[in-house]
Structures are given as C-alpha cells and as structure tokens.
Amino acid sequence: MSPLLRRTKKKADERVVTLIGKPGCHLCDDAREVVRVVCAETGASFEEKDITRDEELHRAYWEQIPVVLVDGEQHTFWRVDPARLRRALRE
C-alpha cells in the first residue's frame, strides 16, 4: 500500500465534537442532547461554543445554528442524526 494512501484512524475517544449554537435556541437544545448522548456512548469529547461570544463564529454560522463539527470539520447543521454522528465518530 502506498504511504500516501495510508491514514491513521482515530479512535472514538480521541475525537472532539463541537456544538456551535446560542442561548435560547430550541434546536440547539435538541442538538446538545443528541451530542451529549452520542459522545457518552462513544467516549468522544464534547465542547460547546456560543456564537454570541465569538464574532468569527457568528459570521460563519449564524444562519445554520446549531452546527456540529467533528474534529473541526463541519458534520451537520440544524438537526443532528444520532446514527450518522455515531458513524462519523467511528470512521
């Protein structure tokens, strides 16, 4: 196998899920619950960022919140499918 094609696969407990949202957002509340459950099941880390406290995040994501990132890459927005998030954390 070519060394260029070889990737190091991260274990679920090495992954970081970031929820970008804002206070008072019911979709963010729903997404937070899904992310918490899936992270607890898989061992992934969970962090949350508030777009009202970060101008750059606000500019980038205000129309899409809640936004879920996996290891800094956008995974989804608005609604979080728990099965899809689990798969992403195990890939």
C-alpha atoms as a PDB file:
ATOM      1  CA  MET A   1       0.000   0.000   0.000  1.00  0.00           C
ATOM      2  CA  SER A   2       1.276   3.449  -0.870  1.00  0.00           C
ATOM      3  CA  PRO A   3       2.240   5.551   2.159  1.00  0.00           C
ATOM      4  CA  LEU A   4       0.236   8.424   0.683  1.00  0.00           C
ATOM      5  CA  LEU A   5      -2.984   6.413   0.853  1.00  0.00           C
ATOM      6  CA  ARG A   6      -2.472   5.228   4.388  1.00  0.00           C
ATOM      7  CA  ARG A   7      -4.394   7.109   7.059  1.00  0.00           C
ATOM      8  CA  THR A   8      -4.231   6.826  10.777  1.00  0.00           C
ATOM      9  CA  LYS A   9      -7.718   6.145  12.014  1.00  0.00           C
ATOM     10  CA  LYS A  10      -8.675   7.950  15.205  1.00  0.00           C
ATOM     11  CA  LYS A  11     -10.464   6.060  17.915  1.00  0.00           C
ATOM     12  CA  ALA A  12     -13.820   7.483  19.013  1.00  0.00           C
ATOM     13  CA  ASP A  13     -12.361   8.532  22.364  1.00  0.00           C
ATOM     14  CA  GLU A  14      -9.785  10.661  20.516  1.00  0.00           C
ATOM     15  CA  ARG A  15     -12.450  12.603  18.602  1.00  0.00           C
ATOM     16  CA  VAL A  16     -13.822  16.038  19.543  1.00  0.00           C
ATOM     17  CA  VAL A  17     -17.394  17.065  18.792  1.00  0.00           C
ATOM     18  CA  THR A  18     -18.102  20.801  18.867  1.00  0.00           C
ATOM     19  CA  LEU A  19     -21.623  22.215  19.058  1.00  0.00           C
ATOM     20  CA  ILE A  20     -21.899  25.802  17.863  1.00  0.00           C
ATOM     21  CA  GLY A  21     -25.096  27.498  18.972  1.00  0.00           C
ATOM     22  CA  LYS A  22     -26.560  30.247  21.113  1.00  0.00           C
ATOM     23  CA  PRO A  23     -28.650  30.577  24.272  1.00  0.00           C
ATOM     24  CA  GLY A  24     -32.416  30.339  23.856  1.00  0.00           C
ATOM     25  CA  CYS A  25     -32.233  28.266  20.671  1.00  0.00           C
ATOM     26  CA  HIS A  26     -34.558  25.244  20.891  1.00  0.00           C
ATOM     27  CA  LEU A  27     -32.788  23.483  18.007  1.00  0.00           C
ATOM     28  CA  CYS A  28     -29.500  23.977  19.876  1.00  0.00           C
ATOM     29  CA  ASP A  29     -31.067  22.401  22.975  1.00  0.00           C
ATOM     30  CA  ASP A  30     -32.192  19.404  20.900  1.00  0.00           C
ATOM     31  CA  ALA A  31     -28.775  19.078  19.244  1.00  0.00           C
ATOM     32  CA  ARG A  32     -26.986  19.353  22.595  1.00  0.00           C
ATOM     33  CA  GLU A  33     -28.925  16.386  23.967  1.00  0.00           C
ATOM     34  CA  VAL A  34     -28.144  14.207  20.925  1.00  0.00           C
ATOM     35  CA  VAL A  35     -24.455  15.167  21.003  1.00  0.00           C
ATOM     36  CA  ARG A  36     -24.197  14.517  24.756  1.00  0.00           C
ATOM     37  CA  VAL A  37     -25.748  11.058  24.429  1.00  0.00           C
ATOM     38  CA  VAL A  38     -23.632  10.025  21.430  1.00  0.00           C
ATOM     39  CA  CYS A  39     -20.422  11.348  22.997  1.00  0.00           C
ATOM     40  CA  ALA A  40     -21.189   9.495  26.240  1.00  0.00           C
ATOM     41  CA  GLU A  41     -21.748   6.278  24.260  1.00  0.00           C
ATOM     42  CA  THR A  42     -18.619   6.597  22.124  1.00  0.00           C
ATOM     43  CA  GLY A  43     -16.219   8.294  24.524  1.00  0.00           C
ATOM     44  CA  ALA A  44     -15.732  11.297  22.245  1.00  0.00           C
ATOM     45  CA  SER A  45     -15.075  14.687  23.840  1.00  0.00           C
ATOM     46  CA  PHE A  46     -17.796  17.334  23.680  1.00  0.00           C
ATOM     47  CA  GLU A  47     -17.361  21.091  23.689  1.00  0.00           C
ATOM     48  CA  GLU A  48     -19.765  23.910  23.070  1.00  0.00           C
ATOM     49  CA  LYS A  49     -19.204  27.343  21.551  1.00  0.00           C
ATOM     50  CA  ASP A  50     -21.594  30.296  21.726  1.00  0.00           C
ATOM     51  CA  ILE A  51     -21.840  32.391  18.545  1.00  0.00           C
ATOM     52  CA  THR A  52     -22.962  35.401  20.602  1.00  0.00           C
ATOM     53  CA  ARG A  53     -19.499  35.465  22.212  1.00  0.00           C
ATOM     54  CA  ASP A  54     -17.395  34.926  19.085  1.00  0.00           C
ATOM     55  CA  GLU A  55     -17.657  37.303  16.128  1.00  0.00           C
ATOM     56  CA  GLU A  56     -15.909  34.942  13.696  1.00  0.00           C
ATOM     57  CA  LEU A  57     -18.230  32.020  14.545  1.00  0.00           C
ATOM     58  CA  HIS A  58     -21.225  34.353  14.306  1.00  0.00           C
ATOM     59  CA  ARG A  59     -20.263  35.472  10.797  1.00  0.00           C
ATOM     60  CA  ALA A  60     -19.573  31.913   9.663  1.00  0.00           C
ATOM     61  CA  TYR A  61     -22.537  30.070  11.164  1.00  0.00           C
ATOM     62  CA  TRP A  62     -25.372  32.364  12.316  1.00  0.00           C
ATOM     63  CA  GLU A  63     -27.782  31.121   9.618  1.00  0.00           C
ATOM     64  CA  GLN A  64     -27.010  27.450  10.251  1.00  0.00           C
ATOM     65  CA  ILE A  65     -27.053  27.008  14.038  1.00  0.00           C
ATOM     66  CA  PRO A  66     -26.862  24.639  15.604  1.00  0.00           C
ATOM     67  CA  VAL A  67     -23.763  23.458  13.786  1.00  0.00           C
ATOM     68  CA  VAL A  68     -21.885  20.303  14.753  1.00  0.00           C
ATOM     69  CA  LEU A  69     -18.200  19.881  13.978  1.00  0.00           C
ATOM     70  CA  VAL A  70     -16.231  16.655  14.308  1.00  0.00           C
ATOM     71  CA  ASP A  71     -12.532  17.315  14.819  1.00  0.00           C
ATOM     72  CA  GLY A  72     -13.013  20.848  13.491  1.00  0.00           C
ATOM     73  CA  GLU A  73     -14.773  19.796  10.273  1.00  0.00           C
ATOM     74  CA  GLN A  74     -18.452  20.618   9.751  1.00  0.00           C
ATOM     75  CA  HIS A  75     -20.525  17.474  10.199  1.00  0.00           C
ATOM     76  CA  THR A  76     -24.088  18.832  10.121  1.00  0.00           C
ATOM     77  CA  PHE A  77     -26.346  21.753  10.962  1.00  0.00           C
ATOM     78  CA  TRP A  78     -29.898  22.372  12.239  1.00  0.00           C
ATOM     79  CA  ARG A  79     -30.742  18.767  13.147  1.00  0.00           C
ATOM     80  CA  VAL A  80     -28.372  16.070  14.378  1.00  0.00           C
ATOM     81  CA  ASP A  81     -28.932  12.475  13.292  1.00  0.00           C
ATOM     82  CA  PRO A  82     -27.547  10.337  16.148  1.00  0.00           C
ATOM     83  CA  ALA A  83     -26.809   7.325  13.912  1.00  0.00           C
ATOM     84  CA  ARG A  84     -24.894   9.473  11.421  1.00  0.00           C
ATOM     85  CA  LEU A  85     -22.892  11.122  14.209  1.00  0.00           C
ATOM     86  CA  ARG A  86     -22.025   7.706  15.695  1.00  0.00           C
ATOM     87  CA  ARG A  87     -20.796   6.507  12.287  1.00  0.00           C
ATOM     88  CA  ALA A  88     -18.686   9.640  11.834  1.00  0.00           C
ATOM     89  CA  LEU A  89     -17.043   9.128  15.217  1.00  0.00           C
ATOM     90  CA  ARG A  90     -16.197   5.503  14.407  1.00  0.00           C
ATOM     91  CA  GLU A  91     -14.735   6.161  10.949  1.00  0.00           C
END
